C-alpha atoms as a PDB file:
ATOM      1  CA  MET A   1     -55.362 -89.675  47.396  1.00  0.00           C
ATOM      2  CA  ALA A   2     -53.584 -86.321  47.204  1.00  0.00           C
ATOM      3  CA  TYR A   3     -54.896 -83.167  48.853  1.00  0.00           C
ATOM      4  CA  ASP A   4     -54.516 -79.521  47.851  1.00  0.00           C
ATOM      5  CA  ILE A   5     -53.897 -77.710  51.154  1.00  0.00           C
ATOM      6  CA  HIS A   6     -53.512 -73.937  51.565  1.00  0.00           C
ATOM      7  CA  ILE A   7     -52.383 -72.601  54.949  1.00  0.00           C
ATOM      8  CA  LYS A   8     -52.485 -68.970  56.081  1.00  0.00           C
ATOM      9  CA  THR A   9     -49.730 -68.289  58.613  1.00  0.00           C
ATOM     10  CA  ALA A  10     -48.772 -65.373  60.836  1.00  0.00           C
ATOM     11  CA  ASP A  11     -46.198 -64.197  58.274  1.00  0.00           C
ATOM     12  CA  GLY A  12     -47.785 -65.211  54.957  1.00  0.00           C
ATOM     13  CA  GLY A  13     -48.860 -68.593  53.715  1.00  0.00           C
ATOM     14  CA  VAL A  14     -47.950 -71.806  51.976  1.00  0.00           C
ATOM     15  CA  ALA A  15     -49.649 -74.323  49.703  1.00  0.00           C
ATOM     16  CA  TYR A  16     -49.038 -78.048  49.500  1.00  0.00           C
ATOM     17  CA  LEU A  17     -50.572 -78.990  46.172  1.00  0.00           C
ATOM     18  CA  ASN A  18     -50.059 -82.758  46.498  1.00  0.00           C
ATOM     19  CA  ALA A  19     -50.126 -83.498  50.229  1.00  0.00           C
ATOM     20  CA  PHE A  20     -50.644 -87.121  51.225  1.00  0.00           C
ATOM     21  CA  SER A  21     -52.410 -86.460  54.524  1.00  0.00           C
ATOM     22  CA  TYR A  22     -53.117 -83.780  57.112  1.00  0.00           C
ATOM     23  CA  GLY A  23     -54.716 -83.379  60.501  1.00  0.00           C
ATOM     24  CA  LEU A  24     -54.729 -81.744  63.903  1.00  0.00           C
ATOM     25  CA  LYS A  25     -52.589 -83.166  66.702  1.00  0.00           C
ATOM     26  CA  ASP A  26     -53.901 -82.544  70.213  1.00  0.00           C
ATOM     27  CA  GLY A  27     -56.628 -80.440  68.599  1.00  0.00           C
ATOM     28  CA  MET A  28     -54.312 -77.509  67.847  1.00  0.00           C
ATOM     29  CA  ILE A  29     -51.104 -78.515  66.051  1.00  0.00           C
ATOM     30  CA  LEU A  30     -51.732 -78.644  62.304  1.00  0.00           C
ATOM     31  CA  TRP A  31     -49.643 -81.228  60.451  1.00  0.00           C
ATOM     32  CA  VAL A  32     -49.239 -81.919  56.745  1.00  0.00           C
ATOM     33  CA  GLN A  33     -47.479 -84.894  55.152  1.00  0.00           C
ATOM     34  CA  ALA A  34     -45.956 -83.958  51.786  1.00  0.00           C
ATOM     35  CA  GLY A  35     -43.107 -84.994  49.516  1.00  0.00           C
ATOM     36  CA  ASP A  36     -42.228 -86.627  46.223  1.00  0.00           C
ATOM     37  CA  ASP A  37     -43.828 -89.933  47.259  1.00  0.00           C
ATOM     38  CA  LEU A  38     -44.900 -91.682  50.455  1.00  0.00           C
ATOM     39  CA  ASP A  39     -41.468 -93.251  50.946  1.00  0.00           C
ATOM     40  CA  HIS A  40     -39.831 -89.811  50.869  1.00  0.00           C
ATOM     41  CA  ALA A  41     -42.532 -87.732  52.565  1.00  0.00           C
ATOM     42  CA  ASP A  42     -41.978 -85.320  55.424  1.00  0.00           C
ATOM     43  CA  THR A  43     -44.480 -84.370  58.092  1.00  0.00           C
ATOM     44  CA  ILE A  44     -44.532 -80.623  58.699  1.00  0.00           C
ATOM     45  CA  HIS A  45     -46.012 -79.378  61.986  1.00  0.00           C
ATOM     46  CA  PHE A  46     -47.441 -75.878  62.429  1.00  0.00           C
ATOM     47  CA  ALA A  47     -47.597 -74.425  65.949  1.00  0.00           C
ATOM     48  CA  PRO A  48     -51.023 -73.258  67.146  1.00  0.00           C
ATOM     49  CA  GLY A  49     -49.954 -69.600  67.232  1.00  0.00           C
ATOM     50  CA  TYR A  50     -48.385 -69.740  63.768  1.00  0.00           C
ATOM     51  CA  TRP A  51     -51.123 -71.089  61.505  1.00  0.00           C
ATOM     52  CA  GLN A  52     -54.310 -69.052  61.304  1.00  0.00           C
ATOM     53  CA  GLN A  53     -56.496 -70.737  58.673  1.00  0.00           C
ATOM     54  CA  TYR A  54     -56.320 -73.665  56.315  1.00  0.00           C
ATOM     55  CA  VAL A  55     -58.424 -75.004  53.483  1.00  0.00           C
ATOM     56  CA  VAL A  56     -58.375 -78.458  51.876  1.00  0.00           C
ATOM     57  CA  ASP A  57     -59.207 -79.011  48.198  1.00  0.00           C
ATOM     58  CA  PRO A  58     -60.491 -75.461  47.604  1.00  0.00           C
ATOM     59  CA  HIS A  59     -62.891 -74.637  44.789  1.00  0.00           C
ATOM     60  CA  SER A  60     -61.135 -71.352  43.985  1.00  0.00           C
ATOM     61  CA  ALA A  61     -57.448 -70.958  43.113  1.00  0.00           C
ATOM     62  CA  ASP A  62     -56.478 -68.871  46.170  1.00  0.00           C
ATOM     63  CA  PRO A  63     -59.310 -68.919  48.736  1.00  0.00           C
ATOM     64  CA  LEU A  64     -57.229 -67.476  51.588  1.00  0.00           C
ATOM     65  CA  ASP A  65     -55.886 -64.630  49.417  1.00  0.00           C
ATOM     66  CA  LEU A  66     -52.276 -65.726  49.922  1.00  0.00           C
ATOM     67  CA  GLY A  67     -51.154 -64.282  46.595  1.00  0.00           C
ATOM     68  CA  LEU A  68     -50.292 -67.739  45.272  1.00  0.00           C
ATOM     69  CA  ASP A  69     -49.769 -68.335  41.568  1.00  0.00           C
ATOM     70  CA  ALA A  70     -50.569 -71.881  40.462  1.00  0.00           C
ATOM     71  CA  GLU A  71     -47.972 -71.651  37.672  1.00  0.00           C
ATOM     72  CA  ASP A  72     -45.188 -71.049  40.202  1.00  0.00           C
ATOM     73  CA  ASP A  73     -45.831 -74.063  42.452  1.00  0.00           C
ATOM     74  CA  GLU A  74     -42.172 -75.114  42.178  1.00  0.00           C
ATOM     75  CA  TYR A  75     -41.372 -72.146  44.430  1.00  0.00           C
ATOM     76  CA  GLU A  76     -44.402 -72.421  46.718  1.00  0.00           C
ATOM     77  CA  ASP A  77     -42.305 -72.284  49.914  1.00  0.00           C
ATOM     78  CA  ASP A  78     -40.019 -69.439  48.767  1.00  0.00           C
ATOM     79  CA  ASP A  79     -41.299 -66.107  50.164  1.00  0.00           C
ATOM     80  CA  ASP A  80     -38.707 -64.129  48.142  1.00  0.00           C
ATOM     81  CA  TYR A  81     -39.563 -65.651  44.753  1.00  0.00           C
ATOM     82  CA  GLU A  82     -40.729 -63.180  42.114  1.00  0.00           C
ATOM     83  CA  PRO A  83     -42.157 -64.949  39.032  1.00  0.00           C
ATOM     84  CA  ASP A  84     -41.039 -62.257  36.555  1.00  0.00           C
ATOM     85  CA  GLU A  85     -37.460 -61.940  37.840  1.00  0.00           C
ATOM     86  CA  ASP A  86     -34.576 -63.586  35.954  1.00  0.00           C
ATOM     87  CA  TYR A  87     -32.590 -65.331  38.699  1.00  0.00           C
ATOM     88  CA  GLU A  88     -29.885 -66.717  36.421  1.00  0.00           C
ATOM     89  CA  ASP A  89     -28.729 -63.182  35.569  1.00  0.00           C
ATOM     90  CA  ASP A  90     -28.650 -62.217  39.268  1.00  0.00           C
ATOM     91  CA  GLU A  91     -26.013 -64.865  40.002  1.00  0.00           C
ATOM     92  CA  ASP A  92     -23.528 -63.168  37.647  1.00  0.00           C
ATOM     93  CA  GLU A  93     -23.984 -59.654  39.063  1.00  0.00           C
ATOM     94  CA  GLY A  94     -21.749 -60.260  42.088  1.00  0.00           C
ATOM     95  CA  GLU A  95     -18.685 -61.137  40.000  1.00  0.00           C
END
């Protein structure tokens, strides 16, 4: 069973749209297991002072008001990603 997990952090937020599992370690360290499949999954740990809120399988698209766009989930961990910017053209500008 996959989970849709949104996490609000001290400097923004992140969403794991197909996480395999999650939980709290020692009652304070939030962990999320995510990846392409269970054989290639990583477990990400969030320090108690870093994560502020989390929601699992929300009913609304962005319940923590993280500014997430469901269409741009490929770049969910990229804080600098702008959905309307053409990145292929930017690579040629430095030449």
